[in-house]
Amino acid sequence: MARGKIQIKRIENFTQRQVTFSKRRSGIFKKADELTFLYDAKFSIVMFSSTSKLHEYISPSTTTKEFFYEYQRMLAEMQEKLKNLKEVNRNLRREIRQRSGESLNDLSFEQLPLLEEDIDNALSIIRERKVVI
């Protein structure tokens, strides 16, 4: 039989709150251990209780140092990808502004004919679509 839904709210009784925290913490660590075993995933969980006690779990297949090294490496990769995407976004926005007739001062004399050609190509594509519809 399914359990009823409980309302998520702060447990006011300190002792009951600590007991519930301890049970939930054990459950979370057990789930992390199961996921590590079943899927060869790596987990690191760090918790501080309301009494400022440190509780941690790290997958048996790794060390804390290795885990945080991997985290730092992935973070650096994501930041590099974000930097590249921002640059692409900036270039596309600049190109859109130029095609709408703004920010033409940034263009060199050699780039103006290329912009004109791009606009002509876009215009012919639009006209072809309009004829088809």
N, C-alpha and C. Protein backbone atom coordinates (compact mmCIF):
# COMPACT_ATOMS: atom_id res chain seq x y z
N MET A 1 0.84 -1.18 0.00
CA MET A 1 0.00 0.00 0.00
C MET A 1 0.88 1.24 0.00
N ALA A 2 0.50 2.25 -0.75
CA ALA A 2 1.30 3.46 -0.89
C ALA A 2 1.19 4.32 0.36
N ARG A 3 2.26 4.99 0.63
CA ARG A 3 2.27 5.92 1.75
C ARG A 3 1.57 7.21 1.37
N GLY A 4 0.98 7.86 2.35
CA GLY A 4 0.36 9.15 2.09
C GLY A 4 1.40 10.24 1.95
N LYS A 5 1.04 11.30 1.27
CA LYS A 5 1.97 12.43 1.11
C LYS A 5 2.08 13.17 2.43
N ILE A 6 3.30 13.58 2.73
CA ILE A 6 3.49 14.40 3.93
C ILE A 6 3.82 15.82 3.49
N GLN A 7 3.44 16.73 4.34
CA GLN A 7 3.75 18.12 4.04
C GLN A 7 5.18 18.39 4.49
N ILE A 8 5.96 18.99 3.60
CA ILE A 8 7.35 19.30 3.93
C ILE A 8 7.37 20.60 4.73
N LYS A 9 7.80 20.48 5.96
CA LYS A 9 7.92 21.66 6.82
C LYS A 9 8.97 21.36 7.88
N ARG A 10 9.43 22.38 8.51
CA ARG A 10 10.46 22.26 9.54
C ARG A 10 9.91 21.49 10.72
N ILE A 11 10.70 20.55 11.21
CA ILE A 11 10.32 19.79 12.41
C ILE A 11 10.73 20.65 13.61
N GLU A 12 9.77 21.04 14.39
CA GLU A 12 10.03 21.98 15.49
C GLU A 12 10.73 21.32 16.67
N ASN A 13 10.40 20.08 16.98
CA ASN A 13 11.01 19.39 18.11
C ASN A 13 12.45 19.03 17.77
N PHE A 14 13.41 19.54 18.56
CA PHE A 14 14.83 19.37 18.27
C PHE A 14 15.23 17.90 18.22
N THR A 15 14.80 17.12 19.20
CA THR A 15 15.18 15.71 19.27
C THR A 15 14.62 14.95 18.07
N GLN A 16 13.35 15.20 17.77
CA GLN A 16 12.72 14.53 16.63
C GLN A 16 13.40 14.95 15.32
N ARG A 17 13.79 16.22 15.23
CA ARG A 17 14.48 16.71 14.03
C ARG A 17 15.82 16.00 13.85
N GLN A 18 16.57 15.81 14.94
CA GLN A 18 17.86 15.14 14.86
C GLN A 18 17.71 13.66 14.49
N VAL A 19 16.70 13.00 15.04
CA VAL A 19 16.45 11.60 14.72
C VAL A 19 16.08 11.45 13.25
N THR A 20 15.20 12.32 12.78
CA THR A 20 14.78 12.28 11.38
C THR A 20 15.96 12.57 10.46
N PHE A 21 16.79 13.54 10.82
CA PHE A 21 17.97 13.86 10.03
C PHE A 21 18.88 12.65 9.93
N SER A 22 19.11 11.99 11.04
CA SER A 22 19.98 10.83 11.08
C SER A 22 19.45 9.71 10.17
N LYS A 23 18.13 9.47 10.23
CA LYS A 23 17.54 8.43 9.38
C LYS A 23 17.63 8.81 7.90
N ARG A 24 17.31 10.04 7.59
CA ARG A 24 17.36 10.48 6.19
C ARG A 24 18.79 10.47 5.67
N ARG A 25 19.73 10.90 6.51
CA ARG A 25 21.15 10.89 6.11
C ARG A 25 21.59 9.47 5.77
N SER A 26 21.21 8.53 6.62
CA SER A 26 21.56 7.12 6.37
C SER A 26 20.94 6.64 5.07
N GLY A 27 19.70 7.05 4.81
CA GLY A 27 19.03 6.66 3.58
C GLY A 27 19.71 7.24 2.34
N ILE A 28 20.12 8.49 2.43
CA ILE A 28 20.81 9.13 1.30
C ILE A 28 22.15 8.45 1.04
N PHE A 29 22.90 8.17 2.09
CA PHE A 29 24.18 7.49 1.93
C PHE A 29 23.99 6.09 1.35
N LYS A 30 22.92 5.40 1.78
CA LYS A 30 22.63 4.06 1.26
C LYS A 30 22.32 4.13 -0.23
N LYS A 31 21.50 5.11 -0.64
CA LYS A 31 21.17 5.28 -2.06
C LYS A 31 22.44 5.58 -2.87
N ALA A 32 23.29 6.44 -2.36
CA ALA A 32 24.54 6.76 -3.06
C ALA A 32 25.39 5.51 -3.21
N ASP A 33 25.45 4.69 -2.18
CA ASP A 33 26.22 3.45 -2.23
C ASP A 33 25.64 2.49 -3.26
N GLU A 34 24.31 2.39 -3.31
CA GLU A 34 23.65 1.53 -4.29
C GLU A 34 23.93 2.01 -5.72
N LEU A 35 23.81 3.31 -5.95
CA LEU A 35 24.06 3.85 -7.28
C LEU A 35 25.52 3.65 -7.70
N THR A 36 26.42 3.78 -6.74
CA THR A 36 27.83 3.54 -7.01
C THR A 36 28.05 2.09 -7.43
N PHE A 37 27.43 1.18 -6.70
CA PHE A 37 27.60 -0.25 -6.98
C PHE A 37 26.95 -0.64 -8.30
N LEU A 38 25.71 -0.20 -8.52
CA LEU A 38 24.96 -0.62 -9.70
C LEU A 38 25.46 0.00 -10.99
N TYR A 39 25.84 1.28 -10.95
CA TYR A 39 26.14 2.01 -12.18
C TYR A 39 27.57 2.52 -12.26
N ASP A 40 28.39 2.14 -11.32
CA ASP A 40 29.79 2.57 -11.29
C ASP A 40 29.90 4.09 -11.33
N ALA A 41 28.94 4.75 -10.70
CA ALA A 41 28.96 6.21 -10.60
C ALA A 41 29.82 6.62 -9.41
N LYS A 42 30.29 7.84 -9.45
CA LYS A 42 31.11 8.34 -8.34
C LYS A 42 30.31 9.42 -7.61
N PHE A 43 30.26 9.31 -6.31
CA PHE A 43 29.51 10.24 -5.49
C PHE A 43 30.39 10.82 -4.40
N SER A 44 30.09 12.06 -4.08
CA SER A 44 30.66 12.68 -2.90
C SER A 44 29.56 13.52 -2.28
N ILE A 45 29.24 13.22 -1.05
CA ILE A 45 28.19 13.96 -0.35
C ILE A 45 28.80 14.53 0.92
N VAL A 46 28.61 15.82 1.12
CA VAL A 46 29.09 16.48 2.33
C VAL A 46 27.90 17.17 2.98
N MET A 47 27.67 16.88 4.25
CA MET A 47 26.55 17.48 4.98
C MET A 47 27.05 18.02 6.31
N PHE A 48 26.45 19.13 6.70
CA PHE A 48 26.68 19.66 8.03
C PHE A 48 25.33 19.67 8.74
N SER A 49 25.27 19.03 9.89
CA SER A 49 24.01 19.01 10.64
C SER A 49 23.81 20.35 11.33
N SER A 50 22.65 20.51 11.92
CA SER A 50 22.36 21.76 12.63
C SER A 50 23.25 21.93 13.86
N THR A 51 23.87 20.84 14.29
CA THR A 51 24.82 20.92 15.41
C THR A 51 26.25 21.09 14.91
N SER A 52 26.39 21.41 13.61
CA SER A 52 27.69 21.66 12.96
C SER A 52 28.59 20.43 12.89
N LYS A 53 28.00 19.26 12.90
CA LYS A 53 28.79 18.04 12.72
C LYS A 53 28.90 17.75 11.23
N LEU A 54 30.08 17.32 10.81
CA LEU A 54 30.34 16.99 9.42
C LEU A 54 29.99 15.53 9.17
N HIS A 55 29.22 15.29 8.11
CA HIS A 55 28.89 13.93 7.68
C HIS A 55 29.23 13.87 6.20
N GLU A 56 29.99 12.86 5.79
CA GLU A 56 30.39 12.78 4.39
C GLU A 56 30.34 11.36 3.88
N TYR A 57 30.17 11.26 2.56
CA TYR A 57 30.20 9.98 1.87
C TYR A 57 31.01 10.19 0.60
N ILE A 58 31.88 9.25 0.32
CA ILE A 58 32.63 9.27 -0.94
C ILE A 58 32.61 7.85 -1.48
N SER A 59 32.42 7.71 -2.79
CA SER A 59 32.38 6.39 -3.41
C SER A 59 33.65 5.62 -3.09
N PRO A 60 33.52 4.33 -2.83
CA PRO A 60 34.70 3.53 -2.50
C PRO A 60 35.73 3.46 -3.62
N SER A 61 35.30 3.67 -4.86
CA SER A 61 36.21 3.54 -6.00
C SER A 61 37.08 4.77 -6.23
N THR A 62 36.93 5.79 -5.40
CA THR A 62 37.70 7.02 -5.59
C THR A 62 38.10 7.60 -4.24
N THR A 63 38.98 8.59 -4.31
CA THR A 63 39.35 9.31 -3.10
C THR A 63 38.79 10.73 -3.19
N THR A 64 38.75 11.40 -2.08
CA THR A 64 38.23 12.76 -2.07
C THR A 64 39.09 13.65 -2.97
N LYS A 65 40.39 13.46 -2.92
CA LYS A 65 41.30 14.26 -3.74
C LYS A 65 41.03 14.03 -5.23
N GLU A 66 40.89 12.76 -5.64
CA GLU A 66 40.60 12.44 -7.04
C GLU A 66 39.25 13.02 -7.46
N PHE A 67 38.27 12.89 -6.57
CA PHE A 67 36.92 13.38 -6.89
C PHE A 67 36.93 14.88 -7.13
N PHE A 68 37.55 15.63 -6.26
CA PHE A 68 37.57 17.08 -6.42
C PHE A 68 38.46 17.52 -7.57
N TYR A 69 39.51 16.75 -7.87
CA TYR A 69 40.33 17.04 -9.05
C TYR A 69 39.47 16.90 -10.31
N GLU A 70 38.70 15.81 -10.39
CA GLU A 70 37.81 15.58 -11.52
C GLU A 70 36.76 16.69 -11.63
N TYR A 71 36.23 17.09 -10.47
CA TYR A 71 35.25 18.17 -10.45
C TYR A 71 35.85 19.47 -10.99
N GLN A 72 37.05 19.80 -10.55
CA GLN A 72 37.73 21.01 -11.01
C GLN A 72 37.99 20.95 -12.52
N ARG A 73 38.39 19.77 -13.02
CA ARG A 73 38.65 19.60 -14.44
C ARG A 73 37.38 19.80 -15.25
N MET A 74 36.28 19.20 -14.79
CA MET A 74 35.00 19.34 -15.49
C MET A 74 34.51 20.79 -15.43
N LEU A 75 34.70 21.43 -14.31
CA LEU A 75 34.29 22.82 -14.15
C LEU A 75 35.07 23.71 -15.11
N ALA A 76 36.36 23.46 -15.25
CA ALA A 76 37.18 24.24 -16.18
C ALA A 76 36.72 24.03 -17.62
N GLU A 77 36.38 22.78 -17.96
CA GLU A 77 35.87 22.50 -19.31
C GLU A 77 34.56 23.22 -19.57
N MET A 78 33.67 23.19 -18.60
CA MET A 78 32.37 23.86 -18.77
C MET A 78 32.55 25.36 -18.89
N GLN A 79 33.48 25.93 -18.13
CA GLN A 79 33.73 27.37 -18.22
C GLN A 79 34.32 27.73 -19.57
N GLU A 80 35.16 26.87 -20.12
CA GLU A 80 35.73 27.12 -21.44
C GLU A 80 34.64 27.04 -22.51
N LYS A 81 33.75 26.05 -22.40
CA LYS A 81 32.64 25.95 -23.34
C LYS A 81 31.73 27.17 -23.24
N LEU A 82 31.46 27.61 -22.01
CA LEU A 82 30.63 28.79 -21.81
C LEU A 82 31.28 30.02 -22.44
N LYS A 83 32.58 30.16 -22.26
CA LYS A 83 33.32 31.28 -22.85
C LYS A 83 33.20 31.26 -24.38
N ASN A 84 33.36 30.07 -24.97
CA ASN A 84 33.24 29.94 -26.43
C ASN A 84 31.83 30.25 -26.91
N LEU A 85 30.83 29.75 -26.18
CA LEU A 85 29.44 30.03 -26.57
C LEU A 85 29.10 31.50 -26.45
N LYS A 86 29.64 32.16 -25.43
CA LYS A 86 29.41 33.60 -25.29
C LYS A 86 30.03 34.36 -26.46
N GLU A 87 31.20 33.92 -26.89
CA GLU A 87 31.87 34.56 -28.03
C GLU A 87 31.05 34.36 -29.30
N VAL A 88 30.55 33.14 -29.51
CA VAL A 88 29.70 32.87 -30.68
C VAL A 88 28.44 33.74 -30.61
N ASN A 89 27.84 33.82 -29.44
CA ASN A 89 26.63 34.63 -29.24
C ASN A 89 26.92 36.10 -29.55
N ARG A 90 28.04 36.60 -29.05
CA ARG A 90 28.43 38.00 -29.28
C ARG A 90 28.61 38.27 -30.78
N ASN A 91 29.27 37.32 -31.48
CA ASN A 91 29.48 37.48 -32.92
C ASN A 91 28.16 37.44 -33.69
N LEU A 92 27.27 36.53 -33.30
CA LEU A 92 25.98 36.45 -33.98
C LEU A 92 25.15 37.71 -33.76
N ARG A 93 25.16 38.22 -32.53
CA ARG A 93 24.43 39.46 -32.25
C ARG A 93 24.98 40.64 -33.05
N ARG A 94 26.32 40.69 -33.15
CA ARG A 94 26.95 41.75 -33.94
C ARG A 94 26.55 41.63 -35.40
N GLU A 95 26.55 40.39 -35.89
CA GLU A 95 26.16 40.15 -37.28
C GLU A 95 24.70 40.54 -37.52
N ILE A 96 23.83 40.23 -36.58
CA ILE A 96 22.41 40.61 -36.71
C ILE A 96 22.27 42.12 -36.74
N ARG A 97 23.00 42.80 -35.84
CA ARG A 97 22.93 44.27 -35.83
C ARG A 97 23.42 44.85 -37.15
N GLN A 98 24.49 44.28 -37.69
CA GLN A 98 25.02 44.78 -38.96
C GLN A 98 24.04 44.54 -40.10
N ARG A 99 23.39 43.40 -40.10
CA ARG A 99 22.43 43.11 -41.17
C ARG A 99 21.18 43.97 -41.07
N SER A 100 20.90 44.47 -39.87
CA SER A 100 19.74 45.36 -39.73
C SER A 100 20.15 46.83 -39.90
N GLY A 101 21.41 47.07 -40.27
CA GLY A 101 21.86 48.42 -40.56
C GLY A 101 22.49 49.14 -39.39
N GLU A 102 22.63 48.47 -38.26
CA GLU A 102 23.28 49.08 -37.09
C GLU A 102 24.73 48.62 -37.02
N SER A 103 25.53 49.32 -36.26
CA SER A 103 26.93 48.95 -36.00
C SER A 103 27.74 48.75 -37.27
N LEU A 104 27.50 49.56 -38.26
CA LEU A 104 28.26 49.45 -39.51
C LEU A 104 29.63 50.09 -39.38
N ASN A 105 29.83 50.90 -38.37
CA ASN A 105 31.13 51.54 -38.17
C ASN A 105 32.23 50.53 -37.87
N ASP A 106 31.84 49.35 -37.35
CA ASP A 106 32.83 48.31 -37.00
C ASP A 106 33.35 47.59 -38.24
N LEU A 107 32.68 47.74 -39.37
CA LEU A 107 33.07 47.02 -40.59
C LEU A 107 34.17 47.76 -41.33
N SER A 108 35.06 46.96 -41.93
CA SER A 108 36.08 47.55 -42.80
C SER A 108 35.49 47.74 -44.20
N PHE A 109 36.18 48.46 -45.03
CA PHE A 109 35.70 48.72 -46.39
C PHE A 109 35.57 47.41 -47.18
N GLU A 110 36.46 46.46 -46.90
CA GLU A 110 36.42 45.17 -47.60
C GLU A 110 35.24 44.32 -47.16
N GLN A 111 34.76 44.51 -45.94
CA GLN A 111 33.66 43.70 -45.42
C GLN A 111 32.29 44.20 -45.89
N LEU A 112 32.19 45.43 -46.32
CA LEU A 112 30.91 45.97 -46.77
C LEU A 112 30.32 45.23 -47.97
N PRO A 113 31.11 44.95 -49.01
CA PRO A 113 30.53 44.17 -50.13
C PRO A 113 30.07 42.77 -49.71
N LEU A 114 30.80 42.15 -48.77
CA LEU A 114 30.39 40.83 -48.28
C LEU A 114 29.06 40.91 -47.54
N LEU A 115 28.88 41.96 -46.74
CA LEU A 115 27.62 42.16 -46.03
C LEU A 115 26.49 42.38 -47.03
N GLU A 116 26.76 43.17 -48.05
CA GLU A 116 25.74 43.43 -49.08
C GLU A 116 25.36 42.13 -49.79
N GLU A 117 26.35 41.30 -50.07
CA GLU A 117 26.08 40.01 -50.72
C GLU A 117 25.24 39.10 -49.82
N ASP A 118 25.57 39.07 -48.52
CA ASP A 118 24.80 38.27 -47.57
C ASP A 118 23.35 38.74 -47.51
N ILE A 119 23.15 40.04 -47.50
CA ILE A 119 21.79 40.59 -47.46
C ILE A 119 21.03 40.24 -48.73
N ASP A 120 21.69 40.34 -49.88
CA ASP A 120 21.06 39.98 -51.17
C ASP A 120 20.66 38.49 -51.18
N ASN A 121 21.55 37.64 -50.69
CA ASN A 121 21.24 36.21 -50.63
C ASN A 121 20.05 35.94 -49.72
N ALA A 122 20.04 36.58 -48.56
CA ALA A 122 18.92 36.41 -47.63
C ALA A 122 17.62 36.90 -48.26
N LEU A 123 17.68 38.00 -48.95
CA LEU A 123 16.50 38.56 -49.61
C LEU A 123 15.98 37.63 -50.69
N SER A 124 16.87 37.02 -51.46
CA SER A 124 16.42 36.10 -52.51
C SER A 124 15.79 34.85 -51.90
N ILE A 125 16.33 34.38 -50.78
CA ILE A 125 15.74 33.21 -50.10
C ILE A 125 14.34 33.54 -49.60
N ILE A 126 14.17 34.72 -49.04
CA ILE A 126 12.86 35.15 -48.56
C ILE A 126 11.86 35.25 -49.71
N ARG A 127 12.31 35.80 -50.82
CA ARG A 127 11.42 35.93 -51.99
C ARG A 127 11.02 34.55 -52.54
N GLU A 128 11.96 33.59 -52.54
CA GLU A 128 11.65 32.24 -52.99
C GLU A 128 10.60 31.59 -52.09
N ARG A 129 10.74 31.76 -50.80
CA ARG A 129 9.77 31.21 -49.85
C ARG A 129 8.40 31.82 -50.06
N LYS A 130 8.38 33.12 -50.29
CA LYS A 130 7.11 33.82 -50.47
C LYS A 130 6.40 33.33 -51.72
N VAL A 131 7.15 33.06 -52.77
CA VAL A 131 6.57 32.57 -54.03
C VAL A 131 6.01 31.16 -53.84
N VAL A 132 6.72 30.31 -53.09
CA VAL A 132 6.30 28.94 -52.85
C VAL A 132 5.00 28.90 -52.06
N ILE A 133 4.87 29.79 -51.09
CA ILE A 133 3.67 29.82 -50.24
C ILE A 133 2.56 30.41 -51.03
